[in-house]
Amino acid sequence: MLHVGLIHFLIISAFLFSFGIYGIVTRKNAVMVLMGIELILNSANINFVAFSRYGNFGLGGQVIALFVIILAAAEAAIALAIVLNIYKTFANVNVDEIDHLKE
């Protein structure tokens, strides 16, 4: 029988973090960059919860993960509003083509 331990959660978190960094660095679309940021925040949540469970820290990891989820929701709402405003202004959401905000 397979025992799921801390190392399994850390490996999954490392993969999510790597995919998030890859999404931020290689994508030109602002929405895809935001999705990469969300993957990084989710990998941090997995680490918080895993260390809370296997490190006997009580509910501290779950509480911090809840705050990170709230922060991610607020970040997504504000960032999508900014992306919509950029699209309305430039008719494009590619990050490398938007070099200044006011023409």
PDB file of N, CA and C in Angstrom:
ATOM      1  N   MET A   1       0.841  -1.178   0.000  1.00  0.00           N
ATOM      2  CA  MET A   1       0.000   0.000   0.000  1.00  0.00           C
ATOM      3  C   MET A   1       0.887   1.242   0.000  1.00  0.00           C
ATOM      4  N   LEU A   2       0.520   2.213  -0.822  1.00  0.00           N
ATOM      5  CA  LEU A   2       1.299   3.435  -0.971  1.00  0.00           C
ATOM      6  C   LEU A   2       0.921   4.425   0.121  1.00  0.00           C
ATOM      7  N   HIS A   3       1.908   4.907   0.822  1.00  0.00           N
ATOM      8  CA  HIS A   3       1.695   5.917   1.856  1.00  0.00           C
ATOM      9  C   HIS A   3       2.047   7.282   1.276  1.00  0.00           C
ATOM     10  N   VAL A   4       1.072   8.172   1.257  1.00  0.00           N
ATOM     11  CA  VAL A   4       1.304   9.509   0.714  1.00  0.00           C
ATOM     12  C   VAL A   4       1.942  10.344   1.811  1.00  0.00           C
ATOM     13  N   GLY A   5       3.142  10.821   1.538  1.00  0.00           N
ATOM     14  CA  GLY A   5       3.883  11.590   2.525  1.00  0.00           C
ATOM     15  C   GLY A   5       4.128  13.013   2.058  1.00  0.00           C
ATOM     16  N   LEU A   6       4.930  13.699   2.825  1.00  0.00           N
ATOM     17  CA  LEU A   6       5.236  15.096   2.549  1.00  0.00           C
ATOM     18  C   LEU A   6       5.945  15.262   1.210  1.00  0.00           C
ATOM     19  N   ILE A   7       6.808  14.337   0.865  1.00  0.00           N
ATOM     20  CA  ILE A   7       7.576  14.456  -0.370  1.00  0.00           C
ATOM     21  C   ILE A   7       6.673  14.438  -1.591  1.00  0.00           C
ATOM     22  N   HIS A   8       5.573  13.709  -1.549  1.00  0.00           N
ATOM     23  CA  HIS A   8       4.638  13.668  -2.670  1.00  0.00           C
ATOM     24  C   HIS A   8       3.989  15.035  -2.888  1.00  0.00           C
ATOM     25  N   PHE A   9       3.600  15.676  -1.800  1.00  0.00           N
ATOM     26  CA  PHE A   9       3.009  17.006  -1.910  1.00  0.00           C
ATOM     27  C   PHE A   9       4.030  18.022  -2.408  1.00  0.00           C
ATOM     28  N   LEU A  10       5.277  17.897  -1.960  1.00  0.00           N
ATOM     29  CA  LEU A  10       6.313  18.819  -2.400  1.00  0.00           C
ATOM     30  C   LEU A  10       6.632  18.646  -3.879  1.00  0.00           C
ATOM     31  N   ILE A  11       6.576  17.417  -4.370  1.00  0.00           N
ATOM     32  CA  ILE A  11       6.821  17.173  -5.797  1.00  0.00           C
ATOM     33  C   ILE A  11       5.702  17.780  -6.641  1.00  0.00           C
ATOM     34  N   ILE A  12       4.459  17.576  -6.230  1.00  0.00           N
ATOM     35  CA  ILE A  12       3.330  18.166  -6.955  1.00  0.00           C
ATOM     36  C   ILE A  12       3.417  19.684  -6.923  1.00  0.00           C
ATOM     37  N   SER A  13       3.774  20.225  -5.775  1.00  0.00           N
ATOM     38  CA  SER A  13       3.914  21.673  -5.657  1.00  0.00           C
ATOM     39  C   SER A  13       5.040  22.205  -6.538  1.00  0.00           C
ATOM     40  N   ALA A  14       6.140  21.463  -6.630  1.00  0.00           N
ATOM     41  CA  ALA A  14       7.247  21.892  -7.486  1.00  0.00           C
ATOM     42  C   ALA A  14       6.837  21.880  -8.957  1.00  0.00           C
ATOM     43  N   PHE A  15       6.058  20.874  -9.365  1.00  0.00           N
ATOM     44  CA  PHE A  15       5.572  20.842 -10.747  1.00  0.00           C
ATOM     45  C   PHE A  15       4.653  22.022 -11.031  1.00  0.00           C
ATOM     46  N   LEU A  16       3.726  22.306 -10.116  1.00  0.00           N
ATOM     47  CA  LEU A  16       2.831  23.443 -10.310  1.00  0.00           C
ATOM     48  C   LEU A  16       3.611  24.752 -10.375  1.00  0.00           C
ATOM     49  N   PHE A  17       4.590  24.907  -9.491  1.00  0.00           N
ATOM     50  CA  PHE A  17       5.405  26.112  -9.489  1.00  0.00           C
ATOM     51  C   PHE A  17       6.172  26.244 -10.802  1.00  0.00           C
ATOM     52  N   SER A  18       6.728  25.139 -11.286  1.00  0.00           N
ATOM     53  CA  SER A  18       7.479  25.163 -12.546  1.00  0.00           C
ATOM     54  C   SER A  18       6.578  25.517 -13.726  1.00  0.00           C
ATOM     55  N   PHE A  19       5.380  24.937 -13.770  1.00  0.00           N
ATOM     56  CA  PHE A  19       4.447  25.270 -14.844  1.00  0.00           C
ATOM     57  C   PHE A  19       4.021  26.727 -14.763  1.00  0.00           C
ATOM     58  N   GLY A  20       3.857  27.245 -13.557  1.00  0.00           N
ATOM     59  CA  GLY A  20       3.498  28.653 -13.393  1.00  0.00           C
ATOM     60  C   GLY A  20       4.591  29.583 -13.879  1.00  0.00           C
ATOM     61  N   ILE A  21       5.837  29.290 -13.517  1.00  0.00           N
ATOM     62  CA  ILE A  21       6.961  30.100 -13.988  1.00  0.00           C
ATOM     63  C   ILE A  21       7.069  30.008 -15.509  1.00  0.00           C
ATOM     64  N   TYR A  22       6.900  28.809 -16.051  1.00  0.00           N
ATOM     65  CA  TYR A  22       6.935  28.624 -17.503  1.00  0.00           C
ATOM     66  C   TYR A  22       5.842  29.450 -18.182  1.00  0.00           C
ATOM     67  N   GLY A  23       4.642  29.464 -17.592  1.00  0.00           N
ATOM     68  CA  GLY A  23       3.541  30.237 -18.153  1.00  0.00           C
ATOM     69  C   GLY A  23       3.786  31.734 -18.097  1.00  0.00           C
ATOM     70  N   ILE A  24       4.442  32.196 -17.060  1.00  0.00           N
ATOM     71  CA  ILE A  24       4.726  33.631 -16.945  1.00  0.00           C
ATOM     72  C   ILE A  24       5.808  34.047 -17.932  1.00  0.00           C
ATOM     73  N   VAL A  25       6.851  33.240 -18.057  1.00  0.00           N
ATOM     74  CA  VAL A  25       8.008  33.630 -18.868  1.00  0.00           C
ATOM     75  C   VAL A  25       7.731  33.504 -20.367  1.00  0.00           C
ATOM     76  N   THR A  26       7.004  32.481 -20.772  1.00  0.00           N
ATOM     77  CA  THR A  26       6.882  32.204 -22.203  1.00  0.00           C
ATOM     78  C   THR A  26       5.639  32.786 -22.855  1.00  0.00           C
ATOM     79  N   ARG A  27       4.631  33.115 -22.106  1.00  0.00           N
ATOM     80  CA  ARG A  27       3.381  33.577 -22.718  1.00  0.00           C
ATOM     81  C   ARG A  27       3.394  35.080 -22.927  1.00  0.00           C
ATOM     82  N   LYS A  28       2.737  35.495 -24.002  1.00  0.00           N
ATOM     83  CA  LYS A  28       2.623  36.918 -24.297  1.00  0.00           C
ATOM     84  C   LYS A  28       1.254  37.462 -23.922  1.00  0.00           C
ATOM     85  N   ASN A  29       0.283  36.588 -23.809  1.00  0.00           N
ATOM     86  CA  ASN A  29      -1.072  37.004 -23.470  1.00  0.00           C
ATOM     87  C   ASN A  29      -1.165  37.276 -21.978  1.00  0.00           C
ATOM     88  N   ALA A  30      -1.768  38.396 -21.608  1.00  0.00           N
ATOM     89  CA  ALA A  30      -1.842  38.793 -20.205  1.00  0.00           C
ATOM     90  C   ALA A  30      -2.682  37.817 -19.383  1.00  0.00           C
ATOM     91  N   VAL A  31      -3.711  37.245 -19.970  1.00  0.00           N
ATOM     92  CA  VAL A  31      -4.553  36.303 -19.235  1.00  0.00           C
ATOM     93  C   VAL A  31      -3.763  35.028 -18.917  1.00  0.00           C
ATOM     94  N   MET A  32      -2.932  34.589 -19.844  1.00  0.00           N
ATOM     95  CA  MET A  32      -2.107  33.406 -19.589  1.00  0.00           C
ATOM     96  C   MET A  32      -1.060  33.688 -18.508  1.00  0.00           C
ATOM     97  N   VAL A  33      -0.542  34.891 -18.461  1.00  0.00           N
ATOM     98  CA  VAL A  33       0.394  35.271 -17.406  1.00  0.00           C
ATOM     99  C   VAL A  33      -0.314  35.239 -16.058  1.00  0.00           C
ATOM    100  N   LEU A  34      -1.551  35.707 -16.013  1.00  0.00           N
ATOM    101  CA  LEU A  34      -2.328  35.648 -14.768  1.00  0.00           C
ATOM    102  C   LEU A  34      -2.593  34.207 -14.348  1.00  0.00           C
ATOM    103  N   MET A  35      -2.811  33.332 -15.307  1.00  0.00           N
ATOM    104  CA  MET A  35      -3.002  31.922 -14.963  1.00  0.00           C
ATOM    105  C   MET A  35      -1.730  31.323 -14.392  1.00  0.00           C
ATOM    106  N   GLY A  36      -0.575  31.749 -14.892  1.00  0.00           N
ATOM    107  CA  GLY A  36       0.699  31.301 -14.332  1.00  0.00           C
ATOM    108  C   GLY A  36       0.869  31.759 -12.894  1.00  0.00           C
ATOM    109  N   ILE A  37       0.456  32.979 -12.612  1.00  0.00           N
ATOM    110  CA  ILE A  37       0.528  33.489 -11.239  1.00  0.00           C
ATOM    111  C   ILE A  37      -0.387  32.687 -10.323  1.00  0.00           C
ATOM    112  N   GLU A  38      -1.554  32.327 -10.825  1.00  0.00           N
ATOM    113  CA  GLU A  38      -2.475  31.511 -10.027  1.00  0.00           C
ATOM    114  C   GLU A  38      -1.882  30.130  -9.739  1.00  0.00           C
ATOM    115  N   LEU A  39      -1.180  29.554 -10.704  1.00  0.00           N
ATOM    116  CA  LEU A  39      -0.531  28.258 -10.461  1.00  0.00           C
ATOM    117  C   LEU A  39       0.535  28.372  -9.371  1.00  0.00           C
ATOM    118  N   ILE A  40       1.286  29.460  -9.380  1.00  0.00           N
ATOM    119  CA  ILE A  40       2.305  29.661  -8.354  1.00  0.00           C
ATOM    120  C   ILE A  40       1.659  29.808  -6.977  1.00  0.00           C
ATOM    121  N   LEU A  41       0.570  30.552  -6.898  1.00  0.00           N
ATOM    122  CA  LEU A  41      -0.120  30.710  -5.613  1.00  0.00           C
ATOM    123  C   LEU A  41      -0.707  29.376  -5.137  1.00  0.00           C
ATOM    124  N   ASN A  42      -1.213  28.560  -6.060  1.00  0.00           N
ATOM    125  CA  ASN A  42      -1.737  27.247  -5.674  1.00  0.00           C
ATOM    126  C   ASN A  42      -0.630  26.319  -5.191  1.00  0.00           C
ATOM    127  N   SER A  43       0.548  26.419  -5.789  1.00  0.00           N
ATOM    128  CA  SER A  43       1.652  25.596  -5.293  1.00  0.00           C
ATOM    129  C   SER A  43       2.059  26.022  -3.892  1.00  0.00           C
ATOM    130  N   ALA A  44       2.002  27.308  -3.611  1.00  0.00           N
ATOM    131  CA  ALA A  44       2.289  27.773  -2.251  1.00  0.00           C
ATOM    132  C   ALA A  44       1.239  27.258  -1.266  1.00  0.00           C
ATOM    133  N   ASN A  45      -0.024  27.232  -1.685  1.00  0.00           N
ATOM    134  CA  ASN A  45      -1.081  26.697  -0.821  1.00  0.00           C
ATOM    135  C   ASN A  45      -0.854  25.228  -0.498  1.00  0.00           C
ATOM    136  N   ILE A  46      -0.448  24.452  -1.484  1.00  0.00           N
ATOM    137  CA  ILE A  46      -0.172  23.041  -1.231  1.00  0.00           C
ATOM    138  C   ILE A  46       0.946  22.896  -0.209  1.00  0.00           C
ATOM    139  N   ASN A  47       1.981  23.725  -0.344  1.00  0.00           N
ATOM    140  CA  ASN A  47       3.082  23.678   0.626  1.00  0.00           C
ATOM    141  C   ASN A  47       2.620  24.052   2.027  1.00  0.00           C
ATOM    142  N   PHE A  48       1.819  25.101   2.141  1.00  0.00           N
ATOM    143  CA  PHE A  48       1.325  25.512   3.460  1.00  0.00           C
ATOM    144  C   PHE A  48       0.530  24.402   4.136  1.00  0.00           C
ATOM    145  N   VAL A  49      -0.373  23.802   3.391  1.00  0.00           N
ATOM    146  CA  VAL A  49      -1.221  22.761   3.966  1.00  0.00           C
ATOM    147  C   VAL A  49      -0.413  21.501   4.274  1.00  0.00           C
ATOM    148  N   ALA A  50       0.510  21.142   3.395  1.00  0.00           N
ATOM    149  CA  ALA A  50       1.316  19.941   3.620  1.00  0.00           C
ATOM    150  C   ALA A  50       2.229  20.104   4.826  1.00  0.00           C
ATOM    151  N   PHE A  51       2.884  21.247   4.944  1.00  0.00           N
ATOM    152  CA  PHE A  51       3.749  21.460   6.100  1.00  0.00           C
ATOM    153  C   PHE A  51       2.950  21.587   7.390  1.00  0.00           C
ATOM    154  N   SER A  52       1.731  22.107   7.282  1.00  0.00           N
ATOM    155  CA  SER A  52       0.871  22.170   8.461  1.00  0.00           C
ATOM    156  C   SER A  52       0.473  20.774   8.915  1.00  0.00           C
ATOM    157  N   ARG A  53       0.211  19.884   7.959  1.00  0.00           N
ATOM    158  CA  ARG A  53      -0.217  18.524   8.292  1.00  0.00           C
ATOM    159  C   ARG A  53       0.949  17.672   8.798  1.00  0.00           C
ATOM    160  N   TYR A  54       2.056  17.699   8.080  1.00  0.00           N
ATOM    161  CA  TYR A  54       3.160  16.808   8.414  1.00  0.00           C
ATOM    162  C   TYR A  54       4.174  17.442   9.363  1.00  0.00           C
ATOM    163  N   GLY A  55       4.065  18.728   9.599  1.00  0.00           N
ATOM    164  CA  GLY A  55       4.986  19.384  10.516  1.00  0.00           C
ATOM    165  C   GLY A  55       4.388  19.644  11.882  1.00  0.00           C
ATOM    166  N   ASN A  56       3.137  19.200  12.083  1.00  0.00           N
ATOM    167  CA  ASN A  56       2.435  19.370  13.358  1.00  0.00           C
ATOM    168  C   ASN A  56       2.400  20.833  13.796  1.00  0.00           C
ATOM    169  N   PHE A  57       2.000  21.713  12.850  1.00  0.00           N
ATOM    170  CA  PHE A  57       1.887  23.135  13.164  1.00  0.00           C
ATOM    171  C   PHE A  57       0.456  23.543  13.479  1.00  0.00           C
ATOM    172  N   GLY A  58      -0.426  22.608  13.613  1.00  0.00           N
ATOM    173  CA  GLY A  58      -1.812  22.935  13.907  1.00  0.00           C
ATOM    174  C   GLY A  58      -2.535  23.390  12.649  1.00  0.00           C
ATOM    175  N   LEU A  59      -3.398  24.370  12.809  1.00  0.00           N
ATOM    176  CA  LEU A  59      -4.186  24.864  11.679  1.00  0.00           C
ATOM    177  C   LEU A  59      -3.567  26.091  11.030  1.00  0.00           C
ATOM    178  N   GLY A  60      -2.337  26.415  11.364  1.00  0.00           N
ATOM    179  CA  GLY A  60      -1.692  27.610  10.820  1.00  0.00           C
ATOM    180  C   GLY A  60      -1.574  27.582   9.310  1.00  0.00           C
ATOM    181  N   GLY A  61      -1.213  26.442   8.747  1.00  0.00           N
ATOM    182  CA  GLY A  61      -1.068  26.329   7.297  1.00  0.00           C
ATOM    183  C   GLY A  61      -2.381  26.486   6.564  1.00  0.00           C
ATOM    184  N   GLN A  62      -3.450  25.912   7.120  1.00  0.00           N
ATOM    185  CA  GLN A  62      -4.758  26.050   6.486  1.00  0.00           C
ATOM    186  C   GLN A  62      -5.245  27.493   6.529  1.00  0.00           C
ATOM    187  N   VAL A  63      -4.973  28.181   7.630  1.00  0.00           N
ATOM    188  CA  VAL A  63      -5.406  29.577   7.749  1.00  0.00           C
ATOM    189  C   VAL A  63      -4.642  30.443   6.756  1.00  0.00           C
ATOM    190  N   ILE A  64      -3.343  30.236   6.643  1.00  0.00           N
ATOM    191  CA  ILE A  64      -2.555  31.009   5.681  1.00  0.00           C
ATOM    192  C   ILE A  64      -2.992  30.686   4.260  1.00  0.00           C
ATOM    193  N   ALA A  65      -3.285  29.413   3.978  1.00  0.00           N
ATOM    194  CA  ALA A  65      -3.762  29.033   2.646  1.00  0.00           C
ATOM    195  C   ALA A  65      -5.101  29.700   2.337  1.00  0.00           C
ATOM    196  N   LEU A  66      -5.964  29.827   3.319  1.00  0.00           N
ATOM    197  CA  LEU A  66      -7.231  30.522   3.121  1.00  0.00           C
ATOM    198  C   LEU A  66      -7.002  31.989   2.784  1.00  0.00           C
ATOM    199  N   PHE A  67      -6.060  32.630   3.464  1.00  0.00           N
ATOM    200  CA  PHE A  67      -5.737  34.024   3.157  1.00  0.00           C
ATOM    201  C   PHE A  67      -5.135  34.149   1.756  1.00  0.00           C
ATOM    202  N   VAL A  68      -4.339  33.179   1.336  1.00  0.00           N
ATOM    203  CA  VAL A  68      -3.766  33.214  -0.004  1.00  0.00           C
ATOM    204  C   VAL A  68      -4.869  33.049  -1.057  1.00  0.00           C
ATOM    205  N   ILE A  69      -5.855  32.220  -0.784  1.00  0.00           N
ATOM    206  CA  ILE A  69      -6.980  32.055  -1.710  1.00  0.00           C
ATOM    207  C   ILE A  69      -7.766  33.356  -1.825  1.00  0.00           C
ATOM    208  N   ILE A  70      -7.981  34.030  -0.705  1.00  0.00           N
ATOM    209  CA  ILE A  70      -8.677  35.320  -0.733  1.00  0.00           C
ATOM    210  C   ILE A  70      -7.861  36.342  -1.511  1.00  0.00           C
ATOM    211  N   LEU A  71      -6.552  36.357  -1.285  1.00  0.00           N
ATOM    212  CA  LEU A  71      -5.672  37.267  -2.014  1.00  0.00           C
ATOM    213  C   LEU A  71      -5.694  36.965  -3.508  1.00  0.00           C
ATOM    214  N   ALA A  72      -5.692  35.696  -3.874  1.00  0.00           N
ATOM    215  CA  ALA A  72      -5.713  35.315  -5.290  1.00  0.00           C
ATOM    216  C   ALA A  72      -7.021  35.733  -5.952  1.00  0.00           C
ATOM    217  N   ALA A  73      -8.128  35.631  -5.245  1.00  0.00           N
ATOM    218  CA  ALA A  73      -9.412  36.046  -5.811  1.00  0.00           C
ATOM    219  C   ALA A  73      -9.435  37.553  -6.040  1.00  0.00           C
ATOM    220  N   ALA A  74      -8.929  38.308  -5.071  1.00  0.00           N
ATOM    221  CA  ALA A  74      -8.879  39.764  -5.230  1.00  0.00           C
ATOM    222  C   ALA A  74      -7.915  40.149  -6.354  1.00  0.00           C
ATOM    223  N   GLU A  75      -6.795  39.463  -6.426  1.00  0.00           N
ATOM    224  CA  GLU A  75      -5.808  39.734  -7.484  1.00  0.00           C
ATOM    225  C   GLU A  75      -6.402  39.432  -8.852  1.00  0.00           C
ATOM    226  N   ALA A  76      -7.133  38.356  -8.966  1.00  0.00           N
ATOM    227  CA  ALA A  76      -7.728  38.001 -10.254  1.00  0.00           C
ATOM    228  C   ALA A  76      -8.770  39.028 -10.682  1.00  0.00           C
ATOM    229  N   ALA A  77      -9.573  39.492  -9.749  1.00  0.00           N
ATOM    230  CA  ALA A  77     -10.599  40.481 -10.089  1.00  0.00           C
ATOM    231  C   ALA A  77      -9.972  41.802 -10.536  1.00  0.00           C
ATOM    232  N   ILE A  78      -8.986  42.265  -9.808  1.00  0.00           N
ATOM    233  CA  ILE A  78      -8.342  43.526 -10.159  1.00  0.00           C
ATOM    234  C   ILE A  78      -7.545  43.388 -11.451  1.00  0.00           C
ATOM    235  N   ALA A  79      -6.817  42.291 -11.589  1.00  0.00           N
ATOM    236  CA  ALA A  79      -5.998  42.102 -12.787  1.00  0.00           C
ATOM    237  C   ALA A  79      -6.859  41.955 -14.034  1.00  0.00           C
ATOM    238  N   LEU A  80      -7.981  41.260 -13.939  1.00  0.00           N
ATOM    239  CA  LEU A  80      -8.855  41.143 -15.103  1.00  0.00           C
ATOM    240  C   LEU A  80      -9.487  42.480 -15.462  1.00  0.00           C
ATOM    241  N   ALA A  81      -9.769  43.313 -14.481  1.00  0.00           N
ATOM    242  CA  ALA A  81     -10.270  44.659 -14.770  1.00  0.00           C
ATOM    243  C   ALA A  81      -9.202  45.477 -15.499  1.00  0.00           C
ATOM    244  N   ILE A  82      -7.959  45.343 -15.077  1.00  0.00           N
ATOM    245  CA  ILE A  82      -6.868  46.042 -15.754  1.00  0.00           C
ATOM    246  C   ILE A  82      -6.695  45.513 -17.176  1.00  0.00           C
ATOM    247  N   VAL A  83      -6.773  44.204 -17.348  1.00  0.00           N
ATOM    248  CA  VAL A  83      -6.629  43.614 -18.688  1.00  0.00           C
ATOM    249  C   VAL A  83      -7.760  44.080 -19.593  1.00  0.00           C
ATOM    250  N   LEU A  84      -8.979  44.153 -19.096  1.00  0.00           N
ATOM    251  CA  LEU A  84     -10.095  44.644 -19.907  1.00  0.00           C
ATOM    252  C   LEU A  84      -9.902  46.110 -20.291  1.00  0.00           C
ATOM    253  N   ASN A  85      -9.376  46.905 -19.378  1.00  0.00           N
ATOM    254  CA  ASN A  85      -9.108  48.308 -19.684  1.00  0.00           C
ATOM    255  C   ASN A  85      -8.005  48.435 -20.726  1.00  0.00           C
ATOM    256  N   ILE A  86      -6.975  47.604 -20.627  1.00  0.00           N
ATOM    257  CA  ILE A  86      -5.902  47.605 -21.626  1.00  0.00           C
ATOM    258  C   ILE A  86      -6.445  47.166 -22.985  1.00  0.00           C
ATOM    259  N   TYR A  87      -7.313  46.176 -22.999  1.00  0.00           N
ATOM    260  CA  TYR A  87      -7.892  45.720 -24.263  1.00  0.00           C
ATOM    261  C   TYR A  87      -8.755  46.809 -24.889  1.00  0.00           C
ATOM    262  N   LYS A  88      -9.500  47.523 -24.051  1.00  0.00           N
ATOM    263  CA  LYS A  88     -10.339  48.602 -24.560  1.00  0.00           C
ATOM    264  C   LYS A  88      -9.495  49.730 -25.138  1.00  0.00           C
ATOM    265  N   THR A  89      -8.331  49.985 -24.525  1.00  0.00           N
ATOM    266  CA  THR A  89      -7.471  51.072 -24.985  1.00  0.00           C
ATOM    267  C   THR A  89      -6.658  50.684 -26.211  1.00  0.00           C
ATOM    268  N   PHE A  90      -6.032  49.500 -26.188  1.00  0.00           N
ATOM    269  CA  PHE A  90      -5.093  49.111 -27.236  1.00  0.00           C
ATOM    270  C   PHE A  90      -5.646  48.071 -28.204  1.00  0.00           C
ATOM    271  N   ALA A  91      -6.798  47.466 -27.925  1.00  0.00           N
ATOM    272  CA  ALA A  91      -7.379  46.374 -28.723  1.00  0.00           C
ATOM    273  C   ALA A  91      -6.414  45.194 -28.818  1.00  0.00           C
ATOM    274  N   ASN A  92      -5.638  44.995 -27.748  1.00  0.00           N
ATOM    275  CA  ASN A  92      -4.652  43.923 -27.717  1.00  0.00           C
ATOM    276  C   ASN A  92      -4.303  43.658 -26.253  1.00  0.00           C
ATOM    277  N   VAL A  93      -4.064  42.400 -25.920  1.00  0.00           N
ATOM    278  CA  VAL A  93      -3.665  42.077 -24.545  1.00  0.00           C
ATOM    279  C   VAL A  93      -2.299  41.399 -24.486  1.00  0.00           C
ATOM    280  N   ASN A  94      -1.524  41.506 -25.536  1.00  0.00           N
ATOM    281  CA  ASN A  94      -0.167  40.956 -25.509  1.00  0.00           C
ATOM    282  C   ASN A  94       0.731  41.864 -24.689  1.00  0.00           C
ATOM    283  N   VAL A  95       1.416  41.290 -23.724  1.00  0.00           N
ATOM    284  CA  VAL A  95       2.195  42.094 -22.784  1.00  0.00           C
ATOM    285  C   VAL A  95       3.406  42.737 -23.453  1.00  0.00           C
ATOM    286  N   ASP A  96       3.985  42.100 -24.431  1.00  0.00           N
ATOM    287  CA  ASP A  96       5.184  42.664 -25.045  1.00  0.00           C
ATOM    288  C   ASP A  96       4.869  43.796 -26.018  1.00  0.00           C
ATOM    289  N   GLU A  97       3.640  43.912 -26.479  1.00  0.00           N
ATOM    290  CA  GLU A  97       3.270  44.975 -27.408  1.00  0.00           C
ATOM    291  C   GLU A  97       2.758  46.233 -26.716  1.00  0.00           C
ATOM    292  N   ILE A  98       2.502  46.136 -25.427  1.00  0.00           N
ATOM    293  CA  ILE A  98       2.000  47.301 -24.684  1.00  0.00           C
ATOM    294  C   ILE A  98       3.181  47.894 -23.946  1.00  0.00           C
ATOM    295  N   ASP A  99       3.767  48.944 -24.516  1.00  0.00           N
ATOM    296  CA  ASP A  99       4.979  49.490 -23.903  1.00  0.00           C
ATOM    297  C   ASP A  99       4.731  50.764 -23.121  1.00  0.00           C
ATOM    298  N   HIS A 100       3.604  51.387 -23.310  1.00  0.00           N
ATOM    299  CA  HIS A 100       3.257  52.560 -22.500  1.00  0.00           C
ATOM    300  C   HIS A 100       1.738  52.632 -22.383  1.00  0.00           C
ATOM    301  N   LEU A 101       1.291  53.257 -21.303  1.00  0.00           N
ATOM    302  CA  LEU A 101      -0.150  53.241 -21.030  1.00  0.00           C
ATOM    303  C   LEU A 101      -0.892  54.369 -21.726  1.00  0.00           C
ATOM    304  N   LYS A 102      -0.229  55.477 -21.978  1.00  0.00           N
ATOM    305  CA  LYS A 102      -0.926  56.599 -22.589  1.00  0.00           C
ATOM    306  C   LYS A 102      -0.188  57.044 -23.831  1.00  0.00           C
ATOM    307  N   GLU A 103      -0.899  57.144 -24.917  1.00  0.00           N
ATOM    308  CA  GLU A 103      -0.259  57.586 -26.157  1.00  0.00           C
ATOM    309  C   GLU A 103      -0.543  59.040 -26.425  1.00  0.00           C
TER     310      GLU A 103
END
